[in-house]
C-alpha atoms as a PDB file:
ATOM      1  CA  PHE A   1      60.253  35.874 -70.883  1.00  0.00           C
ATOM      2  CA  TYR A   2      57.198  36.691 -72.903  1.00  0.00           C
ATOM      3  CA  GLN A   3      55.629  40.085 -73.637  1.00  0.00           C
ATOM      4  CA  ALA A   4      52.588  41.075 -75.637  1.00  0.00           C
ATOM      5  CA  LEU A   5      50.542  44.231 -76.230  1.00  0.00           C
ATOM      6  CA  LEU A   6      46.802  43.999 -76.526  1.00  0.00           C
ATOM      7  CA  ILE A   7      44.395  46.842 -77.194  1.00  0.00           C
ATOM      8  CA  LEU A   8      40.872  46.390 -75.986  1.00  0.00           C
ATOM      9  CA  LYS A   9      38.111  48.220 -77.838  1.00  0.00           C
ATOM     10  CA  MET A  10      34.658  48.803 -76.576  1.00  0.00           C
ATOM     11  CA  SER A  11      33.291  48.901 -80.125  1.00  0.00           C
ATOM     12  CA  ASP A  12      34.288  50.070 -83.564  1.00  0.00           C
ATOM     13  CA  ASN A  13      31.523  52.670 -83.581  1.00  0.00           C
ATOM     14  CA  GLU A  14      32.774  54.135 -80.323  1.00  0.00           C
ATOM     15  CA  GLN A  15      36.323  54.379 -81.746  1.00  0.00           C
ATOM     16  CA  GLN A  16      35.157  56.362 -84.841  1.00  0.00           C
ATOM     17  CA  GLN A  17      33.127  59.018 -82.996  1.00  0.00           C
ATOM     18  CA  PRO A  18      34.903  62.327 -82.654  1.00  0.00           C
ATOM     19  CA  ALA A  19      35.644  63.630 -79.064  1.00  0.00           C
ATOM     20  CA  PRO A  20      32.775  65.905 -78.098  1.00  0.00           C
ATOM     21  CA  SER A  21      35.214  68.616 -76.821  1.00  0.00           C
ATOM     22  CA  GLY A  22      37.228  68.413 -80.045  1.00  0.00           C
ATOM     23  CA  ASP A  23      40.351  68.275 -77.871  1.00  0.00           C
ATOM     24  CA  GLY A  24      42.838  65.768 -79.409  1.00  0.00           C
ATOM     25  CA  GLY A  25      44.743  65.558 -76.139  1.00  0.00           C
ATOM     26  CA  GLN A  26      41.798  64.475 -74.265  1.00  0.00           C
ATOM     27  CA  GLN A  27      41.434  61.303 -76.413  1.00  0.00           C
ATOM     28  CA  ALA A  28      44.844  60.106 -75.400  1.00  0.00           C
ATOM     29  CA  GLN A  29      43.842  60.532 -71.724  1.00  0.00           C
ATOM     30  CA  ASP A  30      40.781  58.366 -72.239  1.00  0.00           C
ATOM     31  CA  TYR A  31      43.128  55.297 -72.359  1.00  0.00           C
ATOM     32  CA  ILE A  32      45.496  53.763 -69.836  1.00  0.00           C
ATOM     33  CA  LYS A  33      48.302  51.250 -70.364  1.00  0.00           C
ATOM     34  CA  LEU A  34      48.324  48.419 -67.853  1.00  0.00           C
ATOM     35  CA  LYS A  35      50.715  45.584 -67.298  1.00  0.00           C
ATOM     36  CA  VAL A  36      49.334  42.148 -66.351  1.00  0.00           C
ATOM     37  CA  VAL A  37      52.057  39.981 -64.747  1.00  0.00           C
ATOM     38  CA  GLY A  38      51.523  36.232 -64.146  1.00  0.00           C
ATOM     39  CA  GLN A  39      53.181  33.944 -61.607  1.00  0.00           C
ATOM     40  CA  ASP A  40      55.707  32.906 -64.291  1.00  0.00           C
ATOM     41  CA  SER A  41      56.743  36.549 -64.711  1.00  0.00           C
ATOM     42  CA  ASN A  42      55.200  36.711 -68.151  1.00  0.00           C
ATOM     43  CA  GLU A  43      53.828  40.120 -69.018  1.00  0.00           C
ATOM     44  CA  VAL A  44      50.881  41.113 -71.149  1.00  0.00           C
ATOM     45  CA  HIS A  45      50.308  44.824 -71.734  1.00  0.00           C
ATOM     46  CA  PHE A  46      46.853  46.176 -72.245  1.00  0.00           C
ATOM     47  CA  ARG A  47      45.714  49.549 -73.460  1.00  0.00           C
ATOM     48  CA  VAL A  48      42.150  50.165 -72.143  1.00  0.00           C
ATOM     49  CA  LYS A  49      39.687  52.966 -71.641  1.00  0.00           C
ATOM     50  CA  TYR A  50      39.278  54.173 -68.060  1.00  0.00           C
ATOM     51  CA  GLY A  51      35.657  53.049 -68.069  1.00  0.00           C
ATOM     52  CA  THR A  52      36.206  49.503 -69.512  1.00  0.00           C
ATOM     53  CA  SER A  53      35.109  46.806 -67.134  1.00  0.00           C
ATOM     54  CA  MET A  54      38.000  44.625 -65.833  1.00  0.00           C
ATOM     55  CA  ALA A  55      35.893  41.553 -66.858  1.00  0.00           C
ATOM     56  CA  LYS A  56      36.872  42.301 -70.501  1.00  0.00           C
ATOM     57  CA  LEU A  57      40.617  42.579 -69.636  1.00  0.00           C
ATOM     58  CA  LYS A  58      40.389  39.375 -67.478  1.00  0.00           C
ATOM     59  CA  LYS A  59      38.690  37.474 -70.288  1.00  0.00           C
ATOM     60  CA  SER A  60      41.238  38.673 -72.887  1.00  0.00           C
ATOM     61  CA  TYR A  61      44.141  37.704 -70.683  1.00  0.00           C
ATOM     62  CA  ALA A  62      42.655  34.224 -70.095  1.00  0.00           C
ATOM     63  CA  GLU A  63      42.151  33.648 -73.804  1.00  0.00           C
ATOM     64  CA  ARG A  64      45.672  34.959 -74.579  1.00  0.00           C
ATOM     65  CA  THR A  65      47.326  32.664 -72.135  1.00  0.00           C
ATOM     66  CA  GLY A  66      45.054  29.672 -72.707  1.00  0.00           C
ATOM     67  CA  VAL A  67      44.053  29.407 -69.061  1.00  0.00           C
ATOM     68  CA  ASN A  68      40.455  28.947 -67.747  1.00  0.00           C
ATOM     69  CA  ILE A  69      39.325  32.383 -66.446  1.00  0.00           C
ATOM     70  CA  ASN A  70      37.692  30.740 -63.440  1.00  0.00           C
ATOM     71  CA  SER A  71      41.032  29.464 -62.292  1.00  0.00           C
ATOM     72  CA  LEU A  72      42.675  32.933 -62.284  1.00  0.00           C
ATOM     73  CA  ARG A  73      42.751  35.550 -59.508  1.00  0.00           C
ATOM     74  CA  PHE A  74      43.593  39.155 -60.498  1.00  0.00           C
ATOM     75  CA  LEU A  75      45.005  41.498 -57.888  1.00  0.00           C
ATOM     76  CA  PHE A  76      45.758  45.248 -57.852  1.00  0.00           C
ATOM     77  CA  ASP A  77      47.521  46.681 -54.868  1.00  0.00           C
ATOM     78  CA  GLY A  78      46.877  43.502 -52.939  1.00  0.00           C
ATOM     79  CA  ARG A  79      43.100  43.697 -53.583  1.00  0.00           C
ATOM     80  CA  ARG A  80      41.129  41.251 -55.687  1.00  0.00           C
ATOM     81  CA  ILE A  81      39.716  42.810 -58.916  1.00  0.00           C
ATOM     82  CA  GLY A  82      36.028  42.367 -59.530  1.00  0.00           C
ATOM     83  CA  ASP A  83      34.446  42.041 -62.929  1.00  0.00           C
ATOM     84  CA  GLU A  84      32.621  45.286 -62.451  1.00  0.00           C
ATOM     85  CA  ASP A  85      35.674  47.278 -61.515  1.00  0.00           C
ATOM     86  CA  THR A  86      37.250  49.675 -63.951  1.00  0.00           C
ATOM     87  CA  PRO A  87      40.598  51.402 -64.079  1.00  0.00           C
ATOM     88  CA  LYS A  88      38.794  54.516 -62.983  1.00  0.00           C
ATOM     89  CA  THR A  89      37.075  52.974 -59.900  1.00  0.00           C
ATOM     90  CA  LEU A  90      40.385  51.338 -58.911  1.00  0.00           C
ATOM     91  CA  GLU A  91      42.162  54.698 -59.343  1.00  0.00           C
ATOM     92  CA  MET A  92      44.775  53.105 -61.625  1.00  0.00           C
ATOM     93  CA  GLU A  93      47.543  55.084 -63.221  1.00  0.00           C
ATOM     94  CA  GLU A  94      49.625  54.618 -66.449  1.00  0.00           C
ATOM     95  CA  ASP A  95      51.823  51.469 -66.383  1.00  0.00           C
ATOM     96  CA  ASP A  96      50.210  50.144 -63.148  1.00  0.00           C
ATOM     97  CA  VAL A  97      50.698  46.352 -62.643  1.00  0.00           C
ATOM     98  CA  ILE A  98      47.943  43.826 -62.180  1.00  0.00           C
ATOM     99  CA  GLU A  99      49.139  40.467 -60.700  1.00  0.00           C
ATOM    100  CA  VAL A 100      47.577  37.193 -61.748  1.00  0.00           C
ATOM    101  CA  TYR A 101      47.584  33.988 -59.690  1.00  0.00           C
ATOM    102  CA  GLN A 102      46.147  30.584 -60.214  1.00  0.00           C
ATOM    103  CA  GLU A 103      43.437  29.813 -57.728  1.00  0.00           C
ATOM    104  CA  GLN A 104      44.592  27.040 -55.327  1.00  0.00           C
ATOM    105  CA  LEU A 105      41.897  24.781 -54.079  1.00  0.00           C
ATOM    106  CA  GLY A 106      42.655  23.428 -50.640  1.00  0.00           C
ATOM    107  CA  GLY A 107      41.870  19.833 -49.461  1.00  0.00           C
ATOM    108  CA  GLN A 108      40.858  18.383 -46.134  1.00  0.00           C
END
């Protein structure tokens, strides 16, 4: 059983800017922790901003596991996750689970 925690950052400059409202609690709410679970039950935990594209998470997961991103399928609540999706557009909540499957190519 393998676990890892990865934190995705949009950019260093973005991280250093103070919150416009000055509300320290708001900054914690800008992030969400997600669990990505592969077919082998290995888990990789990500902490991402609500507006971060899922393409970034998918790429990071593929690099971390050493699998070609084009051979992976990412699902949330039974629906395939697109690159342009974000945790916000998918209405994700803290500790939600993303399932990852290897694409299976059928023959004739």
